[in-house]
Amino acid sequence: MESKTIKINKENYEWLLKKAANLQKKSGKPISFDEALNEIRISKPKTMISDLAGSWKMSDSEWKEIKEKTKKGWSKWKISYV
């Protein structure tokens, strides 16, 4: 396996060390930083734009203002077809 050297600050090193320690506790075997990084990479949840639905609270007047400004902006777009 090819290896590379990277520099990380102390805060990130300690964070990764804790992640590796937690993984080691779960698995009951020694975990390398490489294994810890790989686990973090593959276990990251996929987020979708639809996950944000309903999370932004706004009043009717705010929505009206956004809608009007968006329409105004869109009216300035010039679309040319080739």
PDB file of N, CA and C in Angstrom:
ATOM      1  N   MET A   1       0.845  -1.178   0.000  1.00  0.00           N
ATOM      2  CA  MET A   1       0.000   0.000   0.000  1.00  0.00           C
ATOM      3  C   MET A   1       0.890   1.241   0.000  1.00  0.00           C
ATOM      4  N   GLU A   2       0.544   2.194  -0.831  1.00  0.00           N
ATOM      5  CA  GLU A   2       1.272   3.455  -0.897  1.00  0.00           C
ATOM      6  C   GLU A   2       0.880   4.320   0.297  1.00  0.00           C
ATOM      7  N   SER A   3       1.827   5.081   0.804  1.00  0.00           N
ATOM      8  CA  SER A   3       1.506   5.967   1.925  1.00  0.00           C
ATOM      9  C   SER A   3       1.962   7.381   1.614  1.00  0.00           C
ATOM     10  N   LYS A   4       1.307   8.334   2.231  1.00  0.00           N
ATOM     11  CA  LYS A   4       1.610   9.759   2.079  1.00  0.00           C
ATOM     12  C   LYS A   4       1.679  10.381   3.458  1.00  0.00           C
ATOM     13  N   THR A   5       2.464  11.428   3.571  1.00  0.00           N
ATOM     14  CA  THR A   5       2.570  12.165   4.824  1.00  0.00           C
ATOM     15  C   THR A   5       1.781  13.456   4.692  1.00  0.00           C
ATOM     16  N   ILE A   6       0.970  13.756   5.699  1.00  0.00           N
ATOM     17  CA  ILE A   6       0.224  15.015   5.709  1.00  0.00           C
ATOM     18  C   ILE A   6       0.465  15.715   7.038  1.00  0.00           C
ATOM     19  N   LYS A   7       0.287  17.031   7.026  1.00  0.00           N
ATOM     20  CA  LYS A   7       0.386  17.800   8.270  1.00  0.00           C
ATOM     21  C   LYS A   7      -1.015  18.203   8.694  1.00  0.00           C
ATOM     22  N   ILE A   8      -1.309  18.000   9.968  1.00  0.00           N
ATOM     23  CA  ILE A   8      -2.577  18.461  10.527  1.00  0.00           C
ATOM     24  C   ILE A   8      -2.273  19.156  11.848  1.00  0.00           C
ATOM     25  N   ASN A   9      -3.156  20.076  12.219  1.00  0.00           N
ATOM     26  CA  ASN A   9      -2.913  20.776  13.480  1.00  0.00           C
ATOM     27  C   ASN A   9      -3.262  19.867  14.661  1.00  0.00           C
ATOM     28  N   LYS A  10      -2.865  20.307  15.838  1.00  0.00           N
ATOM     29  CA  LYS A  10      -3.034  19.495  17.050  1.00  0.00           C
ATOM     30  C   LYS A  10      -4.505  19.187  17.324  1.00  0.00           C
ATOM     31  N   GLU A  11      -5.368  20.166  17.102  1.00  0.00           N
ATOM     32  CA  GLU A  11      -6.803  19.980  17.347  1.00  0.00           C
ATOM     33  C   GLU A  11      -7.364  18.859  16.468  1.00  0.00           C
ATOM     34  N   ASN A  12      -7.010  18.866  15.178  1.00  0.00           N
ATOM     35  CA  ASN A  12      -7.486  17.816  14.277  1.00  0.00           C
ATOM     36  C   ASN A  12      -6.878  16.464  14.621  1.00  0.00           C
ATOM     37  N   TYR A  13      -5.622  16.454  15.036  1.00  0.00           N
ATOM     38  CA  TYR A  13      -4.967  15.211  15.450  1.00  0.00           C
ATOM     39  C   TYR A  13      -5.701  14.596  16.642  1.00  0.00           C
ATOM     40  N   GLU A  14      -6.002  15.420  17.630  1.00  0.00           N
ATOM     41  CA  GLU A  14      -6.691  14.922  18.823  1.00  0.00           C
ATOM     42  C   GLU A  14      -8.103  14.449  18.498  1.00  0.00           C
ATOM     43  N   TRP A  15      -8.781  15.153  17.580  1.00  0.00           N
ATOM     44  CA  TRP A  15     -10.119  14.736  17.145  1.00  0.00           C
ATOM     45  C   TRP A  15     -10.049  13.363  16.485  1.00  0.00           C
ATOM     46  N   LEU A  16      -9.083  13.190  15.578  1.00  0.00           N
ATOM     47  CA  LEU A  16      -8.934  11.916  14.882  1.00  0.00           C
ATOM     48  C   LEU A  16      -8.536  10.805  15.849  1.00  0.00           C
ATOM     49  N   LEU A  17      -7.701  11.136  16.809  1.00  0.00           N
ATOM     50  CA  LEU A  17      -7.293  10.167  17.822  1.00  0.00           C
ATOM     51  C   LEU A  17      -8.510   9.666  18.610  1.00  0.00           C
ATOM     52  N   LYS A  18      -9.414  10.579  18.970  1.00  0.00           N
ATOM     53  CA  LYS A  18     -10.640  10.189  19.688  1.00  0.00           C
ATOM     54  C   LYS A  18     -11.539   9.313  18.818  1.00  0.00           C
ATOM     55  N   LYS A  19     -11.653   9.684  17.536  1.00  0.00           N
ATOM     56  CA  LYS A  19     -12.469   8.875  16.619  1.00  0.00           C
ATOM     57  C   LYS A  19     -11.902   7.463  16.510  1.00  0.00           C
ATOM     58  N   ALA A  20     -10.576   7.371  16.367  1.00  0.00           N
ATOM     59  CA  ALA A  20      -9.933   6.058  16.264  1.00  0.00           C
ATOM     60  C   ALA A  20     -10.123   5.266  17.555  1.00  0.00           C
ATOM     61  N   ALA A  21     -10.023   5.940  18.697  1.00  0.00           N
ATOM     62  CA  ALA A  21     -10.207   5.262  19.988  1.00  0.00           C
ATOM     63  C   ALA A  21     -11.629   4.717  20.115  1.00  0.00           C
ATOM     64  N   ASN A  22     -12.616   5.504  19.700  1.00  0.00           N
ATOM     65  CA  ASN A  22     -14.012   5.045  19.758  1.00  0.00           C
ATOM     66  C   ASN A  22     -14.235   3.840  18.847  1.00  0.00           C
ATOM     67  N   LEU A  23     -13.651   3.889  17.646  1.00  0.00           N
ATOM     68  CA  LEU A  23     -13.779   2.755  16.726  1.00  0.00           C
ATOM     69  C   LEU A  23     -13.097   1.513  17.301  1.00  0.00           C
ATOM     70  N   GLN A  24     -11.973   1.736  17.959  1.00  0.00           N
ATOM     71  CA  GLN A  24     -11.239   0.627  18.569  1.00  0.00           C
ATOM     72  C   GLN A  24     -12.061  -0.017  19.680  1.00  0.00           C
ATOM     73  N   LYS A  25     -12.743   0.801  20.478  1.00  0.00           N
ATOM     74  CA  LYS A  25     -13.605   0.266  21.540  1.00  0.00           C
ATOM     75  C   LYS A  25     -14.731  -0.583  20.948  1.00  0.00           C
ATOM     76  N   LYS A  26     -15.326  -0.091  19.852  1.00  0.00           N
ATOM     77  CA  LYS A  26     -16.436  -0.813  19.222  1.00  0.00           C
ATOM     78  C   LYS A  26     -15.983  -2.135  18.614  1.00  0.00           C
ATOM     79  N   SER A  27     -14.822  -2.104  17.953  1.00  0.00           N
ATOM     80  CA  SER A  27     -14.374  -3.299  17.233  1.00  0.00           C
ATOM     81  C   SER A  27     -13.570  -4.260  18.101  1.00  0.00           C
ATOM     82  N   GLY A  28     -12.976  -3.749  19.175  1.00  0.00           N
ATOM     83  CA  GLY A  28     -12.169  -4.597  20.041  1.00  0.00           C
ATOM     84  C   GLY A  28     -10.807  -4.937  19.474  1.00  0.00           C
ATOM     85  N   LYS A  29     -10.386  -4.208  18.443  1.00  0.00           N
ATOM     86  CA  LYS A  29      -9.068  -4.434  17.854  1.00  0.00           C
ATOM     87  C   LYS A  29      -8.405  -3.088  17.578  1.00  0.00           C
ATOM     88  N   PRO A  30      -7.086  -3.075  17.449  1.00  0.00           N
ATOM     89  CA  PRO A  30      -6.398  -1.813  17.162  1.00  0.00           C
ATOM     90  C   PRO A  30      -6.862  -1.211  15.829  1.00  0.00           C
ATOM     91  N   ILE A  31      -7.030   0.098  15.815  1.00  0.00           N
ATOM     92  CA  ILE A  31      -7.478   0.815  14.620  1.00  0.00           C
ATOM     93  C   ILE A  31      -6.420   1.850  14.248  1.00  0.00           C
ATOM     94  N   SER A  32      -5.981   1.817  13.010  1.00  0.00           N
ATOM     95  CA  SER A  32      -5.010   2.810  12.543  1.00  0.00           C
ATOM     96  C   SER A  32      -5.742   4.095  12.158  1.00  0.00           C
ATOM     97  N   PHE A  33      -4.985   5.182  12.029  1.00  0.00           N
ATOM     98  CA  PHE A  33      -5.588   6.433  11.566  1.00  0.00           C
ATOM     99  C   PHE A  33      -6.188   6.237  10.177  1.00  0.00           C
ATOM    100  N   ASP A  34      -5.529   5.459   9.341  1.00  0.00           N
ATOM    101  CA  ASP A  34      -6.034   5.210   7.996  1.00  0.00           C
ATOM    102  C   ASP A  34      -7.399   4.526   8.055  1.00  0.00           C
ATOM    103  N   GLU A  35      -7.526   3.521   8.917  1.00  0.00           N
ATOM    104  CA  GLU A  35      -8.810   2.835   9.074  1.00  0.00           C
ATOM    105  C   GLU A  35      -9.869   3.783   9.636  1.00  0.00           C
ATOM    106  N   ALA A  36      -9.466   4.634  10.571  1.00  0.00           N
ATOM    107  CA  ALA A  36     -10.405   5.597  11.157  1.00  0.00           C
ATOM    108  C   ALA A  36     -10.894   6.580  10.097  1.00  0.00           C
ATOM    109  N   LEU A  37      -9.975   7.096   9.296  1.00  0.00           N
ATOM    110  CA  LEU A  37     -10.365   8.032   8.233  1.00  0.00           C
ATOM    111  C   LEU A  37     -11.276   7.357   7.222  1.00  0.00           C
ATOM    112  N   ASN A  38     -10.964   6.126   6.867  1.00  0.00           N
ATOM    113  CA  ASN A  38     -11.794   5.403   5.913  1.00  0.00           C
ATOM    114  C   ASN A  38     -13.196   5.186   6.468  1.00  0.00           C
ATOM    115  N   GLU A  39     -13.297   4.828   7.724  1.00  0.00           N
ATOM    116  CA  GLU A  39     -14.604   4.622   8.356  1.00  0.00           C
ATOM    117  C   GLU A  39     -15.409   5.921   8.374  1.00  0.00           C
ATOM    118  N   ILE A  40     -14.755   7.028   8.693  1.00  0.00           N
ATOM    119  CA  ILE A  40     -15.427   8.329   8.706  1.00  0.00           C
ATOM    120  C   ILE A  40     -15.906   8.679   7.301  1.00  0.00           C
ATOM    121  N   ARG A  41     -15.070   8.421   6.310  1.00  0.00           N
ATOM    122  CA  ARG A  41     -15.401   8.745   4.917  1.00  0.00           C
ATOM    123  C   ARG A  41     -16.602   7.948   4.430  1.00  0.00           C
ATOM    124  N   ILE A  42     -16.634   6.658   4.699  1.00  0.00           N
ATOM    125  CA  ILE A  42     -17.727   5.841   4.157  1.00  0.00           C
ATOM    126  C   ILE A  42     -19.004   5.919   4.986  1.00  0.00           C
ATOM    127  N   SER A  43     -18.896   6.332   6.249  1.00  0.00           N
ATOM    128  CA  SER A  43     -20.091   6.368   7.096  1.00  0.00           C
ATOM    129  C   SER A  43     -20.773   7.723   7.108  1.00  0.00           C
ATOM    130  N   LYS A  44     -20.222   8.698   6.394  1.00  0.00           N
ATOM    131  CA  LYS A  44     -20.830  10.026   6.376  1.00  0.00           C
ATOM    132  C   LYS A  44     -22.210   9.936   5.715  1.00  0.00           C
ATOM    133  N   PRO A  45     -23.234  10.412   6.400  1.00  0.00           N
ATOM    134  CA  PRO A  45     -24.577  10.318   5.822  1.00  0.00           C
ATOM    135  C   PRO A  45     -24.718  11.209   4.589  1.00  0.00           C
ATOM    136  N   LYS A  46     -25.423  10.697   3.609  1.00  0.00           N
ATOM    137  CA  LYS A  46     -25.696  11.470   2.401  1.00  0.00           C
ATOM    138  C   LYS A  46     -26.840  12.432   2.713  1.00  0.00           C
ATOM    139  N   THR A  47     -26.627  13.686   2.416  1.00  0.00           N
ATOM    140  CA  THR A  47     -27.681  14.663   2.652  1.00  0.00           C
ATOM    141  C   THR A  47     -28.282  15.077   1.318  1.00  0.00           C
ATOM    142  N   MET A  48     -29.547  15.345   1.358  1.00  0.00           N
ATOM    143  CA  MET A  48     -30.256  15.770   0.158  1.00  0.00           C
ATOM    144  C   MET A  48     -30.899  17.123   0.436  1.00  0.00           C
ATOM    145  N   ILE A  49     -31.099  17.888  -0.608  1.00  0.00           N
ATOM    146  CA  ILE A  49     -31.708  19.207  -0.463  1.00  0.00           C
ATOM    147  C   ILE A  49     -33.097  19.076   0.172  1.00  0.00           C
ATOM    148  N   SER A  50     -33.779  17.989  -0.098  1.00  0.00           N
ATOM    149  CA  SER A  50     -35.119  17.795   0.470  1.00  0.00           C
ATOM    150  C   SER A  50     -35.082  17.624   1.990  1.00  0.00           C
ATOM    151  N   ASP A  51     -33.916  17.299   2.548  1.00  0.00           N
ATOM    152  CA  ASP A  51     -33.793  17.196   4.006  1.00  0.00           C
ATOM    153  C   ASP A  51     -34.015  18.544   4.683  1.00  0.00           C
ATOM    154  N   LEU A  52     -33.851  19.622   3.932  1.00  0.00           N
ATOM    155  CA  LEU A  52     -34.008  20.959   4.490  1.00  0.00           C
ATOM    156  C   LEU A  52     -35.455  21.455   4.461  1.00  0.00           C
ATOM    157  N   ALA A  53     -36.335  20.702   3.823  1.00  0.00           N
ATOM    158  CA  ALA A  53     -37.729  21.122   3.698  1.00  0.00           C
ATOM    159  C   ALA A  53     -38.336  21.384   5.070  1.00  0.00           C
ATOM    160  N   GLY A  54     -38.919  22.558   5.217  1.00  0.00           N
ATOM    161  CA  GLY A  54     -39.579  22.926   6.458  1.00  0.00           C
ATOM    162  C   GLY A  54     -38.665  23.443   7.546  1.00  0.00           C
ATOM    163  N   SER A  55     -37.367  23.504   7.273  1.00  0.00           N
ATOM    164  CA  SER A  55     -36.436  23.935   8.322  1.00  0.00           C
ATOM    165  C   SER A  55     -36.269  25.451   8.377  1.00  0.00           C
ATOM    166  N   TRP A  56     -36.720  26.154   7.352  1.00  0.00           N
ATOM    167  CA  TRP A  56     -36.569  27.598   7.312  1.00  0.00           C
ATOM    168  C   TRP A  56     -37.910  28.231   7.648  1.00  0.00           C
ATOM    169  N   LYS A  57     -37.978  28.893   8.778  1.00  0.00           N
ATOM    170  CA  LYS A  57     -39.218  29.537   9.206  1.00  0.00           C
ATOM    171  C   LYS A  57     -39.228  30.975   8.698  1.00  0.00           C
ATOM    172  N   MET A  58     -40.321  31.363   8.044  1.00  0.00           N
ATOM    173  CA  MET A  58     -40.455  32.737   7.570  1.00  0.00           C
ATOM    174  C   MET A  58     -41.923  33.134   7.559  1.00  0.00           C
ATOM    175  N   SER A  59     -42.115  34.420   7.594  1.00  0.00           N
ATOM    176  CA  SER A  59     -43.489  34.933   7.581  1.00  0.00           C
ATOM    177  C   SER A  59     -43.989  35.009   6.141  1.00  0.00           C
ATOM    178  N   ASP A  60     -45.292  35.214   5.992  1.00  0.00           N
ATOM    179  CA  ASP A  60     -45.877  35.362   4.663  1.00  0.00           C
ATOM    180  C   ASP A  60     -45.305  36.577   3.946  1.00  0.00           C
ATOM    181  N   SER A  61     -45.043  37.647   4.694  1.00  0.00           N
ATOM    182  CA  SER A  61     -44.498  38.856   4.062  1.00  0.00           C
ATOM    183  C   SER A  61     -43.069  38.617   3.565  1.00  0.00           C
ATOM    184  N   GLU A  62     -42.289  37.835   4.322  1.00  0.00           N
ATOM    185  CA  GLU A  62     -40.935  37.509   3.867  1.00  0.00           C
ATOM    186  C   GLU A  62     -40.990  36.678   2.587  1.00  0.00           C
ATOM    187  N   TRP A  63     -41.915  35.703   2.543  1.00  0.00           N
ATOM    188  CA  TRP A  63     -42.057  34.872   1.354  1.00  0.00           C
ATOM    189  C   TRP A  63     -42.469  35.720   0.158  1.00  0.00           C
ATOM    190  N   LYS A  64     -43.395  36.658   0.366  1.00  0.00           N
ATOM    191  CA  LYS A  64     -43.860  37.524  -0.716  1.00  0.00           C
ATOM    192  C   LYS A  64     -42.699  38.357  -1.255  1.00  0.00           C
ATOM    193  N   GLU A  65     -41.872  38.893  -0.355  1.00  0.00           N
ATOM    194  CA  GLU A  65     -40.726  39.704  -0.767  1.00  0.00           C
ATOM    195  C   GLU A  65     -39.722  38.874  -1.576  1.00  0.00           C
ATOM    196  N   ILE A  66     -39.438  37.677  -1.117  1.00  0.00           N
ATOM    197  CA  ILE A  66     -38.507  36.802  -1.836  1.00  0.00           C
ATOM    198  C   ILE A  66     -39.056  36.467  -3.217  1.00  0.00           C
ATOM    199  N   LYS A  67     -40.342  36.143  -3.272  1.00  0.00           N
ATOM    200  CA  LYS A  67     -40.974  35.784  -4.540  1.00  0.00           C
ATOM    201  C   LYS A  67     -40.918  36.947  -5.529  1.00  0.00           C
ATOM    202  N   GLU A  68     -41.224  38.155  -5.065  1.00  0.00           N
ATOM    203  CA  GLU A  68     -41.205  39.332  -5.936  1.00  0.00           C
ATOM    204  C   GLU A  68     -39.796  39.634  -6.439  1.00  0.00           C
ATOM    205  N   LYS A  69     -38.811  39.570  -5.547  1.00  0.00           N
ATOM    206  CA  LYS A  69     -37.432  39.851  -5.948  1.00  0.00           C
ATOM    207  C   LYS A  69     -36.903  38.793  -6.914  1.00  0.00           C
ATOM    208  N   THR A  70     -37.322  37.558  -6.703  1.00  0.00           N
ATOM    209  CA  THR A  70     -36.900  36.488  -7.608  1.00  0.00           C
ATOM    210  C   THR A  70     -37.499  36.700  -8.991  1.00  0.00           C
ATOM    211  N   LYS A  71     -38.792  37.024  -9.052  1.00  0.00           N
ATOM    212  CA  LYS A  71     -39.439  37.287 -10.338  1.00  0.00           C
ATOM    213  C   LYS A  71     -38.762  38.444 -11.059  1.00  0.00           C
ATOM    214  N   LYS A  72     -38.443  39.495 -10.305  1.00  0.00           N
ATOM    215  CA  LYS A  72     -37.784  40.664 -10.888  1.00  0.00           C
ATOM    216  C   LYS A  72     -36.416  40.273 -11.456  1.00  0.00           C
ATOM    217  N   GLY A  73     -35.670  39.489 -10.707  1.00  0.00           N
ATOM    218  CA  GLY A  73     -34.360  39.037 -11.170  1.00  0.00           C
ATOM    219  C   GLY A  73     -34.470  38.159 -12.405  1.00  0.00           C
ATOM    220  N   TRP A  74     -35.436  37.246 -12.397  1.00  0.00           N
ATOM    221  CA  TRP A  74     -35.613  36.354 -13.535  1.00  0.00           C
ATOM    222  C   TRP A  74     -36.019  37.121 -14.791  1.00  0.00           C
ATOM    223  N   SER A  75     -36.760  38.197 -14.623  1.00  0.00           N
ATOM    224  CA  SER A  75     -37.199  38.962 -15.796  1.00  0.00           C
ATOM    225  C   SER A  75     -36.020  39.623 -16.508  1.00  0.00           C
ATOM    226  N   LYS A  76     -34.907  39.787 -15.816  1.00  0.00           N
ATOM    227  CA  LYS A  76     -33.722  40.407 -16.415  1.00  0.00           C
ATOM    228  C   LYS A  76     -32.844  39.402 -17.155  1.00  0.00           C
ATOM    229  N   TRP A  77     -33.114  38.129 -16.964  1.00  0.00           N
ATOM    230  CA  TRP A  77     -32.316  37.112 -17.644  1.00  0.00           C
ATOM    231  C   TRP A  77     -32.605  37.147 -19.133  1.00  0.00           C
ATOM    232  N   LYS A  78     -31.564  37.008 -19.898  1.00  0.00           N
ATOM    233  CA  LYS A  78     -31.725  36.924 -21.349  1.00  0.00           C
ATOM    234  C   LYS A  78     -31.287  35.533 -21.765  1.00  0.00           C
ATOM    235  N   ILE A  79     -32.224  34.797 -22.310  1.00  0.00           N
ATOM    236  CA  ILE A  79     -31.928  33.434 -22.725  1.00  0.00           C
ATOM    237  C   ILE A  79     -31.819  33.414 -24.241  1.00  0.00           C
ATOM    238  N   SER A  80     -30.688  32.916 -24.711  1.00  0.00           N
ATOM    239  CA  SER A  80     -30.528  32.791 -26.158  1.00  0.00           C
ATOM    240  C   SER A  80     -30.361  31.317 -26.498  1.00  0.00           C
ATOM    241  N   TYR A  81     -31.042  30.912 -27.516  1.00  0.00           N
ATOM    242  CA  TYR A  81     -30.968  29.526 -27.953  1.00  0.00           C
ATOM    243  C   TYR A  81     -30.131  29.461 -29.207  1.00  0.00           C
ATOM    244  N   VAL A  82     -29.257  28.503 -29.252  1.00  0.00           N
ATOM    245  CA  VAL A  82     -28.375  28.346 -30.413  1.00  0.00           C
ATOM    246  C   VAL A  82     -29.037  27.482 -31.435  1.00  0.00           C
TER     247      VAL A  82
END
